[in-house]
Amino acid sequence: MEAHTFLISFFTAHFKRHETKKFRSSYFLPPPTVIWGIIGAMFGIEREELENFAKENSLIVGAELCDFKGLATEKATLMPWDKENRIFIRTVEDFEFLIEPHYRIGIYAKENLIEELKEKIENKNFEFDIYGGISDCFLKDIKNEKKAEFMEKTEAKGMIPADIIAGFSQITEGSKIIRVLYLNTFFYQGFKVEFKVKEPIKTVNGIAVWSVDDVERFRKGNVE
């Protein structure tokens, strides 16, 4: 197993929050399953095979929001196909976008996958296009970082389950915190914030990272 981090930015990003319906709010951070998709796109993994890909390579992933220019809301016309009546149904919904977000992605995975990932990022040689959540959100830049360390800590950045947060170890000017539902578990996502947690959790360079087993636990959750 080997740790790695890379920087990735988008012109805009929208990571749809699970609890939103008509107003499509965005997570600040791509959740683990979205990061599977970003990495999977580099390797040409189809969506329905992402979980198997994550299991086979022992993917443990997380993200930190390093910077962004703000939030914007746009109206979009959705036209799902009604098979029974053979017509398109036109609906207008509001989408929330992050403007020019920059992320640090932390990964801990099998060594051969990490080495191939580094090469793909270095050469920008990807099997599929990489998007910031949806296909309207285009990749701006991506690059490897040099040093990464995996360790268990009681302080972490990124996306933390609400029930294990004990406080904050660092809050800087311009920080933001949101409470979100991911799968069936409540989380806090932070920008320019480091959380204290009640028990040691997996981190890569201080970013909270989550395994496939963790994601399954989040699916079961504690929300009725």
C-alpha atoms as a PDB file:
ATOM      1  CA  MET A   1       0.000   0.000   0.000  1.00  0.00           C
ATOM      2  CA  GLU A   2       1.164   3.535  -0.795  1.00  0.00           C
ATOM      3  CA  ALA A   3      -0.069   7.055  -0.054  1.00  0.00           C
ATOM      4  CA  HIS A   4      -0.339   9.842  -2.621  1.00  0.00           C
ATOM      5  CA  THR A   5      -1.895  13.274  -3.060  1.00  0.00           C
ATOM      6  CA  PHE A   6      -2.680  15.260  -6.184  1.00  0.00           C
ATOM      7  CA  LEU A   7      -4.135  18.692  -6.843  1.00  0.00           C
ATOM      8  CA  ILE A   8      -7.155  19.045  -9.110  1.00  0.00           C
ATOM      9  CA  SER A   9      -9.164  22.093 -10.134  1.00  0.00           C
ATOM     10  CA  PHE A  10     -12.291  22.730 -12.194  1.00  0.00           C
ATOM     11  CA  PHE A  11     -13.757  25.787 -13.883  1.00  0.00           C
ATOM     12  CA  THR A  12     -16.969  24.948 -12.001  1.00  0.00           C
ATOM     13  CA  ALA A  13     -18.079  21.955  -9.929  1.00  0.00           C
ATOM     14  CA  HIS A  14     -21.389  20.509  -8.788  1.00  0.00           C
ATOM     15  CA  PHE A  15     -21.477  17.478  -6.491  1.00  0.00           C
ATOM     16  CA  LYS A  16     -25.186  16.892  -5.922  1.00  0.00           C
ATOM     17  CA  ARG A  17     -26.181  16.575  -2.284  1.00  0.00           C
ATOM     18  CA  HIS A  18     -28.224  13.464  -1.576  1.00  0.00           C
ATOM     19  CA  GLU A  19     -30.916  15.222   0.454  1.00  0.00           C
ATOM     20  CA  THR A  20     -31.789  17.935  -2.085  1.00  0.00           C
ATOM     21  CA  LYS A  21     -34.612  17.685  -4.613  1.00  0.00           C
ATOM     22  CA  LYS A  22     -35.874  20.735  -6.534  1.00  0.00           C
ATOM     23  CA  PHE A  23     -32.948  22.988  -5.497  1.00  0.00           C
ATOM     24  CA  ARG A  24     -29.794  21.053  -6.363  1.00  0.00           C
ATOM     25  CA  SER A  25     -27.280  22.085  -3.710  1.00  0.00           C
ATOM     26  CA  SER A  26     -23.673  20.990  -4.017  1.00  0.00           C
ATOM     27  CA  TYR A  27     -21.309  19.404  -1.537  1.00  0.00           C
ATOM     28  CA  PHE A  28     -18.213  21.548  -0.978  1.00  0.00           C
ATOM     29  CA  LEU A  29     -16.082  18.419  -1.301  1.00  0.00           C
ATOM     30  CA  PRO A  30     -16.371  15.403  -3.583  1.00  0.00           C
ATOM     31  CA  PRO A  31     -17.420  12.459  -1.371  1.00  0.00           C
ATOM     32  CA  PRO A  32     -15.540   9.138  -1.574  1.00  0.00           C
ATOM     33  CA  THR A  33     -17.780   7.658  -4.284  1.00  0.00           C
ATOM     34  CA  VAL A  34     -17.207  10.746  -6.466  1.00  0.00           C
ATOM     35  CA  ILE A  35     -13.444  10.400  -5.990  1.00  0.00           C
ATOM     36  CA  TRP A  36     -13.761   6.765  -7.109  1.00  0.00           C
ATOM     37  CA  GLY A  37     -15.328   8.191 -10.281  1.00  0.00           C
ATOM     38  CA  ILE A  38     -12.527  10.721 -10.831  1.00  0.00           C
ATOM     39  CA  ILE A  39      -9.842   8.067 -10.427  1.00  0.00           C
ATOM     40  CA  GLY A  40     -11.894   5.515 -12.370  1.00  0.00           C
ATOM     41  CA  ALA A  41     -12.194   7.924 -15.305  1.00  0.00           C
ATOM     42  CA  MET A  42      -8.411   8.016 -15.574  1.00  0.00           C
ATOM     43  CA  PHE A  43      -8.357   4.217 -15.890  1.00  0.00           C
ATOM     44  CA  GLY A  44     -11.430   3.853 -18.108  1.00  0.00           C
ATOM     45  CA  ILE A  45     -13.652   2.247 -15.452  1.00  0.00           C
ATOM     46  CA  GLU A  46     -17.378   2.320 -16.196  1.00  0.00           C
ATOM     47  CA  ARG A  47     -19.676   3.684 -13.499  1.00  0.00           C
ATOM     48  CA  GLU A  48     -21.248   0.331 -12.610  1.00  0.00           C
ATOM     49  CA  GLU A  49     -17.770  -1.164 -12.030  1.00  0.00           C
ATOM     50  CA  LEU A  50     -16.427   1.595  -9.752  1.00  0.00           C
ATOM     51  CA  GLU A  51     -17.118  -0.131  -6.444  1.00  0.00           C
ATOM     52  CA  ASN A  52     -15.418  -3.340  -7.605  1.00  0.00           C
ATOM     53  CA  PHE A  53     -12.475  -1.242  -8.836  1.00  0.00           C
ATOM     54  CA  ALA A  54     -12.256   0.446  -5.417  1.00  0.00           C
ATOM     55  CA  LYS A  55     -12.383  -2.928  -3.615  1.00  0.00           C
ATOM     56  CA  GLU A  56      -9.805  -4.606  -5.873  1.00  0.00           C
ATOM     57  CA  ASN A  57      -7.340  -1.773  -5.366  1.00  0.00           C
ATOM     58  CA  SER A  58      -8.109  -1.195  -1.650  1.00  0.00           C
ATOM     59  CA  LEU A  59      -8.895   2.468  -2.384  1.00  0.00           C
ATOM     60  CA  ILE A  60      -9.018   4.738   0.664  1.00  0.00           C
ATOM     61  CA  VAL A  61      -9.768   8.321  -0.416  1.00  0.00           C
ATOM     62  CA  GLY A  62     -10.710  11.804   0.732  1.00  0.00           C
ATOM     63  CA  ALA A  63     -10.511  15.455  -0.306  1.00  0.00           C
ATOM     64  CA  GLU A  64      -9.619  18.892   1.017  1.00  0.00           C
ATOM     65  CA  LEU A  65     -11.006  22.097  -0.500  1.00  0.00           C
ATOM     66  CA  CYS A  66      -7.941  24.345  -0.849  1.00  0.00           C
ATOM     67  CA  ASP A  67      -9.569  27.358  -2.509  1.00  0.00           C
ATOM     68  CA  PHE A  68     -12.590  28.517  -4.509  1.00  0.00           C
ATOM     69  CA  LYS A  69     -13.898  31.828  -5.784  1.00  0.00           C
ATOM     70  CA  GLY A  70     -17.478  31.498  -4.543  1.00  0.00           C
ATOM     71  CA  LEU A  71     -20.862  29.908  -5.168  1.00  0.00           C
ATOM     72  CA  ALA A  72     -23.281  30.594  -8.008  1.00  0.00           C
ATOM     73  CA  THR A  73     -26.809  29.428  -8.796  1.00  0.00           C
ATOM     74  CA  GLU A  74     -28.018  28.790 -12.336  1.00  0.00           C
ATOM     75  CA  LYS A  75     -31.360  27.662 -13.702  1.00  0.00           C
ATOM     76  CA  ALA A  76     -31.276  24.531 -15.846  1.00  0.00           C
ATOM     77  CA  THR A  77     -34.001  22.962 -17.967  1.00  0.00           C
ATOM     78  CA  LEU A  78     -34.182  19.204 -17.481  1.00  0.00           C
ATOM     79  CA  MET A  79     -35.957  17.063 -20.074  1.00  0.00           C
ATOM     80  CA  PRO A  80     -36.328  13.454 -18.849  1.00  0.00           C
ATOM     81  CA  TRP A  81     -37.972  11.039 -21.295  1.00  0.00           C
ATOM     82  CA  ASP A  82     -41.420   9.731 -20.304  1.00  0.00           C
ATOM     83  CA  LYS A  83     -41.465   6.219 -21.805  1.00  0.00           C
ATOM     84  CA  GLU A  84     -45.173   5.636 -21.188  1.00  0.00           C
ATOM     85  CA  ASN A  85     -46.352   8.794 -22.941  1.00  0.00           C
ATOM     86  CA  ARG A  86     -43.326   8.984 -25.284  1.00  0.00           C
ATOM     87  CA  ILE A  87     -42.643  12.661 -24.582  1.00  0.00           C
ATOM     88  CA  PHE A  88     -39.955  14.756 -22.914  1.00  0.00           C
ATOM     89  CA  ILE A  89     -41.038  16.299 -19.598  1.00  0.00           C
ATOM     90  CA  ARG A  90     -39.642  19.809 -19.255  1.00  0.00           C
ATOM     91  CA  THR A  91     -38.770  20.976 -15.724  1.00  0.00           C
ATOM     92  CA  VAL A  92     -36.697  23.942 -14.540  1.00  0.00           C
ATOM     93  CA  GLU A  93     -34.421  23.502 -11.519  1.00  0.00           C
ATOM     94  CA  ASP A  94     -31.803  25.618  -9.746  1.00  0.00           C
ATOM     95  CA  PHE A  95     -28.250  24.238  -9.651  1.00  0.00           C
ATOM     96  CA  GLU A  96     -25.595  25.421  -7.201  1.00  0.00           C
ATOM     97  CA  PHE A  97     -22.018  25.533  -8.534  1.00  0.00           C
ATOM     98  CA  LEU A  98     -18.640  26.112  -6.925  1.00  0.00           C
ATOM     99  CA  ILE A  99     -16.610  28.582  -8.975  1.00  0.00           C
ATOM    100  CA  GLU A 100     -13.032  27.525  -9.743  1.00  0.00           C
ATOM    101  CA  PRO A 101     -12.609  25.095  -6.830  1.00  0.00           C
ATOM    102  CA  HIS A 102      -9.149  23.686  -6.136  1.00  0.00           C
ATOM    103  CA  TYR A 103      -8.915  20.363  -4.291  1.00  0.00           C
ATOM    104  CA  ARG A 104      -6.213  18.208  -2.786  1.00  0.00           C
ATOM    105  CA  ILE A 105      -7.134  14.527  -3.132  1.00  0.00           C
ATOM    106  CA  GLY A 106      -5.621  12.067  -0.667  1.00  0.00           C
ATOM    107  CA  ILE A 107      -5.338   8.389  -1.634  1.00  0.00           C
ATOM    108  CA  TYR A 108      -4.022   5.269   0.060  1.00  0.00           C
ATOM    109  CA  ALA A 109      -4.128   2.222  -2.220  1.00  0.00           C
ATOM    110  CA  LYS A 110      -2.175  -0.668  -3.704  1.00  0.00           C
ATOM    111  CA  GLU A 111       1.289   0.424  -4.801  1.00  0.00           C
ATOM    112  CA  ASN A 112       0.911  -0.588  -8.453  1.00  0.00           C
ATOM    113  CA  LEU A 113      -2.259   1.503  -8.806  1.00  0.00           C
ATOM    114  CA  ILE A 114      -0.594   4.544  -7.222  1.00  0.00           C
ATOM    115  CA  GLU A 115       2.411   4.304  -9.522  1.00  0.00           C
ATOM    116  CA  GLU A 116       0.189   4.051 -12.596  1.00  0.00           C
ATOM    117  CA  LEU A 117      -1.981   6.908 -11.326  1.00  0.00           C
ATOM    118  CA  LYS A 118       1.079   9.141 -10.903  1.00  0.00           C
ATOM    119  CA  GLU A 119       2.125   8.398 -14.487  1.00  0.00           C
ATOM    120  CA  LYS A 120      -1.333   9.120 -15.870  1.00  0.00           C
ATOM    121  CA  ILE A 121      -1.517  12.450 -14.042  1.00  0.00           C
ATOM    122  CA  GLU A 122       2.028  13.417 -15.043  1.00  0.00           C
ATOM    123  CA  ASN A 123       1.269  12.754 -18.728  1.00  0.00           C
ATOM    124  CA  LYS A 124      -2.403  13.803 -18.519  1.00  0.00           C
ATOM    125  CA  ASN A 125      -3.216  10.535 -20.244  1.00  0.00           C
ATOM    126  CA  PHE A 126      -6.763   9.612 -19.194  1.00  0.00           C
ATOM    127  CA  GLU A 127      -9.136   7.054 -20.695  1.00  0.00           C
ATOM    128  CA  PHE A 128     -12.267   9.123 -19.998  1.00  0.00           C
ATOM    129  CA  ASP A 129     -12.817  12.848 -19.507  1.00  0.00           C
ATOM    130  CA  ILE A 130     -12.767  14.055 -15.893  1.00  0.00           C
ATOM    131  CA  TYR A 131     -15.615  16.281 -14.726  1.00  0.00           C
ATOM    132  CA  GLY A 132     -16.374  18.227 -11.572  1.00  0.00           C
ATOM    133  CA  GLY A 133     -19.412  16.147 -10.699  1.00  0.00           C
ATOM    134  CA  ILE A 134     -21.467  16.650 -13.877  1.00  0.00           C
ATOM    135  CA  SER A 135     -20.553  16.874 -17.546  1.00  0.00           C
ATOM    136  CA  ASP A 136     -21.031  20.678 -17.643  1.00  0.00           C
ATOM    137  CA  CYS A 137     -18.142  21.119 -15.176  1.00  0.00           C
ATOM    138  CA  PHE A 138     -14.804  20.897 -16.947  1.00  0.00           C
ATOM    139  CA  LEU A 139     -11.356  20.036 -15.627  1.00  0.00           C
ATOM    140  CA  LYS A 140      -9.030  23.046 -15.318  1.00  0.00           C
ATOM    141  CA  ASP A 141      -5.774  21.493 -14.109  1.00  0.00           C
ATOM    142  CA  ILE A 142      -4.368  18.429 -12.352  1.00  0.00           C
ATOM    143  CA  LYS A 143      -0.902  17.667 -11.009  1.00  0.00           C
ATOM    144  CA  ASN A 144       0.884  15.278  -8.669  1.00  0.00           C
ATOM    145  CA  GLU A 145       2.342  16.265  -5.324  1.00  0.00           C
ATOM    146  CA  LYS A 146       5.595  14.725  -4.163  1.00  0.00           C
ATOM    147  CA  LYS A 147       5.244  13.568  -0.570  1.00  0.00           C
ATOM    148  CA  ALA A 148       2.353  11.823   1.163  1.00  0.00           C
ATOM    149  CA  GLU A 149       1.995  10.023   4.477  1.00  0.00           C
ATOM    150  CA  PHE A 150      -0.781   7.737   5.684  1.00  0.00           C
ATOM    151  CA  MET A 151      -1.468   7.737   9.424  1.00  0.00           C
ATOM    152  CA  GLU A 152      -4.271   7.630  11.973  1.00  0.00           C
ATOM    153  CA  LYS A 153      -4.876  10.943  13.741  1.00  0.00           C
ATOM    154  CA  THR A 154      -7.386  12.730  15.969  1.00  0.00           C
ATOM    155  CA  GLU A 155      -7.210  15.904  13.853  1.00  0.00           C
ATOM    156  CA  ALA A 156      -8.210  16.009  10.200  1.00  0.00           C
ATOM    157  CA  LYS A 157      -9.395  18.195   7.341  1.00  0.00           C
ATOM    158  CA  GLY A 158     -12.116  17.483   4.804  1.00  0.00           C
ATOM    159  CA  MET A 159     -15.294  15.484   5.392  1.00  0.00           C
ATOM    160  CA  ILE A 160     -15.979  14.072   8.875  1.00  0.00           C
ATOM    161  CA  PRO A 161     -19.004  12.165  10.268  1.00  0.00           C
ATOM    162  CA  ALA A 162     -20.902  14.500  12.597  1.00  0.00           C
ATOM    163  CA  ASP A 163     -21.073  11.998  15.460  1.00  0.00           C
ATOM    164  CA  ILE A 164     -17.288  11.754  15.912  1.00  0.00           C
ATOM    165  CA  ILE A 165     -16.473  15.484  15.876  1.00  0.00           C
ATOM    166  CA  ALA A 166     -15.137  16.763  19.208  1.00  0.00           C
ATOM    167  CA  GLY A 167     -14.395  20.366  18.163  1.00  0.00           C
ATOM    168  CA  PHE A 168     -11.931  22.312  16.046  1.00  0.00           C
ATOM    169  CA  SER A 169      -8.151  22.418  16.172  1.00  0.00           C
ATOM    170  CA  GLN A 170      -7.809  25.133  13.539  1.00  0.00           C
ATOM    171  CA  ILE A 171     -10.167  27.721  12.023  1.00  0.00           C
ATOM    172  CA  THR A 172      -8.726  30.437   9.783  1.00  0.00           C
ATOM    173  CA  GLU A 173     -10.176  33.617   8.283  1.00  0.00           C
ATOM    174  CA  GLY A 174     -12.726  32.921   5.551  1.00  0.00           C
ATOM    175  CA  SER A 175     -13.478  29.425   6.826  1.00  0.00           C
ATOM    176  CA  LYS A 176     -16.784  27.714   6.041  1.00  0.00           C
ATOM    177  CA  ILE A 177     -18.500  24.663   7.529  1.00  0.00           C
ATOM    178  CA  ILE A 178     -21.591  22.900   6.201  1.00  0.00           C
ATOM    179  CA  ARG A 179     -23.593  19.981   7.587  1.00  0.00           C
ATOM    180  CA  VAL A 180     -24.602  17.524   4.863  1.00  0.00           C
ATOM    181  CA  LEU A 181     -26.217  14.133   4.448  1.00  0.00           C
ATOM    182  CA  TYR A 182     -24.083  11.675   2.495  1.00  0.00           C
ATOM    183  CA  LEU A 183     -25.696   8.305   1.830  1.00  0.00           C
ATOM    184  CA  ASN A 184     -27.375   7.734   5.210  1.00  0.00           C
ATOM    185  CA  THR A 185     -24.892   9.518   7.482  1.00  0.00           C
ATOM    186  CA  PHE A 186     -24.555  13.173   8.493  1.00  0.00           C
ATOM    187  CA  PHE A 187     -21.171  14.836   7.936  1.00  0.00           C
ATOM    188  CA  TYR A 188     -19.498  18.185   8.356  1.00  0.00           C
ATOM    189  CA  GLN A 189     -17.455  19.476   5.436  1.00  0.00           C
ATOM    190  CA  GLY A 190     -14.983  22.249   6.112  1.00  0.00           C
ATOM    191  CA  PHE A 191     -13.028  24.867   4.177  1.00  0.00           C
ATOM    192  CA  LYS A 192      -9.966  26.268   5.987  1.00  0.00           C
ATOM    193  CA  VAL A 193     -10.990  24.181   9.008  1.00  0.00           C
ATOM    194  CA  GLU A 194      -9.294  21.325  10.844  1.00  0.00           C
ATOM    195  CA  PHE A 195     -11.596  19.158  12.963  1.00  0.00           C
ATOM    196  CA  LYS A 196     -10.841  17.407  16.229  1.00  0.00           C
ATOM    197  CA  VAL A 197     -12.320  13.901  16.343  1.00  0.00           C
ATOM    198  CA  LYS A 198     -13.142  11.606  19.261  1.00  0.00           C
ATOM    199  CA  GLU A 199     -11.076   8.700  17.977  1.00  0.00           C
ATOM    200  CA  PRO A 200      -8.152   8.272  15.553  1.00  0.00           C
ATOM    201  CA  ILE A 201      -9.213   8.153  11.905  1.00  0.00           C
ATOM    202  CA  LYS A 202      -7.328   7.386   8.693  1.00  0.00           C
ATOM    203  CA  THR A 203      -5.633  10.391   7.064  1.00  0.00           C
ATOM    204  CA  VAL A 204      -3.300  11.173   4.176  1.00  0.00           C
ATOM    205  CA  ASN A 205      -1.348  14.396   4.776  1.00  0.00           C
ATOM    206  CA  GLY A 206      -3.996  15.399   7.316  1.00  0.00           C
ATOM    207  CA  ILE A 207      -6.963  14.764   4.992  1.00  0.00           C
ATOM    208  CA  ALA A 208      -9.614  12.366   6.306  1.00  0.00           C
ATOM    209  CA  VAL A 209      -9.758   9.340   3.992  1.00  0.00           C
ATOM    210  CA  TRP A 210     -12.398   6.623   3.809  1.00  0.00           C
ATOM    211  CA  SER A 211     -12.349   2.996   2.666  1.00  0.00           C
ATOM    212  CA  VAL A 212     -14.933   0.912   0.808  1.00  0.00           C
ATOM    213  CA  ASP A 213     -15.959  -0.614   4.155  1.00  0.00           C
ATOM    214  CA  ASP A 214     -16.432   2.907   5.549  1.00  0.00           C
ATOM    215  CA  VAL A 215     -18.677   3.805   2.602  1.00  0.00           C
ATOM    216  CA  GLU A 216     -20.778   0.692   3.304  1.00  0.00           C
ATOM    217  CA  ARG A 217     -21.058   1.814   6.928  1.00  0.00           C
ATOM    218  CA  PHE A 218     -22.162   5.281   5.778  1.00  0.00           C
ATOM    219  CA  ARG A 219     -24.849   3.623   3.627  1.00  0.00           C
ATOM    220  CA  LYS A 220     -26.256   1.869   6.686  1.00  0.00           C
ATOM    221  CA  GLY A 221     -25.845   5.054   8.713  1.00  0.00           C
ATOM    222  CA  ASN A 222     -27.962   6.090  11.659  1.00  0.00           C
ATOM    223  CA  VAL A 223     -30.661   8.107   9.875  1.00  0.00           C
ATOM    224  CA  GLU A 224     -34.163   6.629   9.908  1.00  0.00           C
END
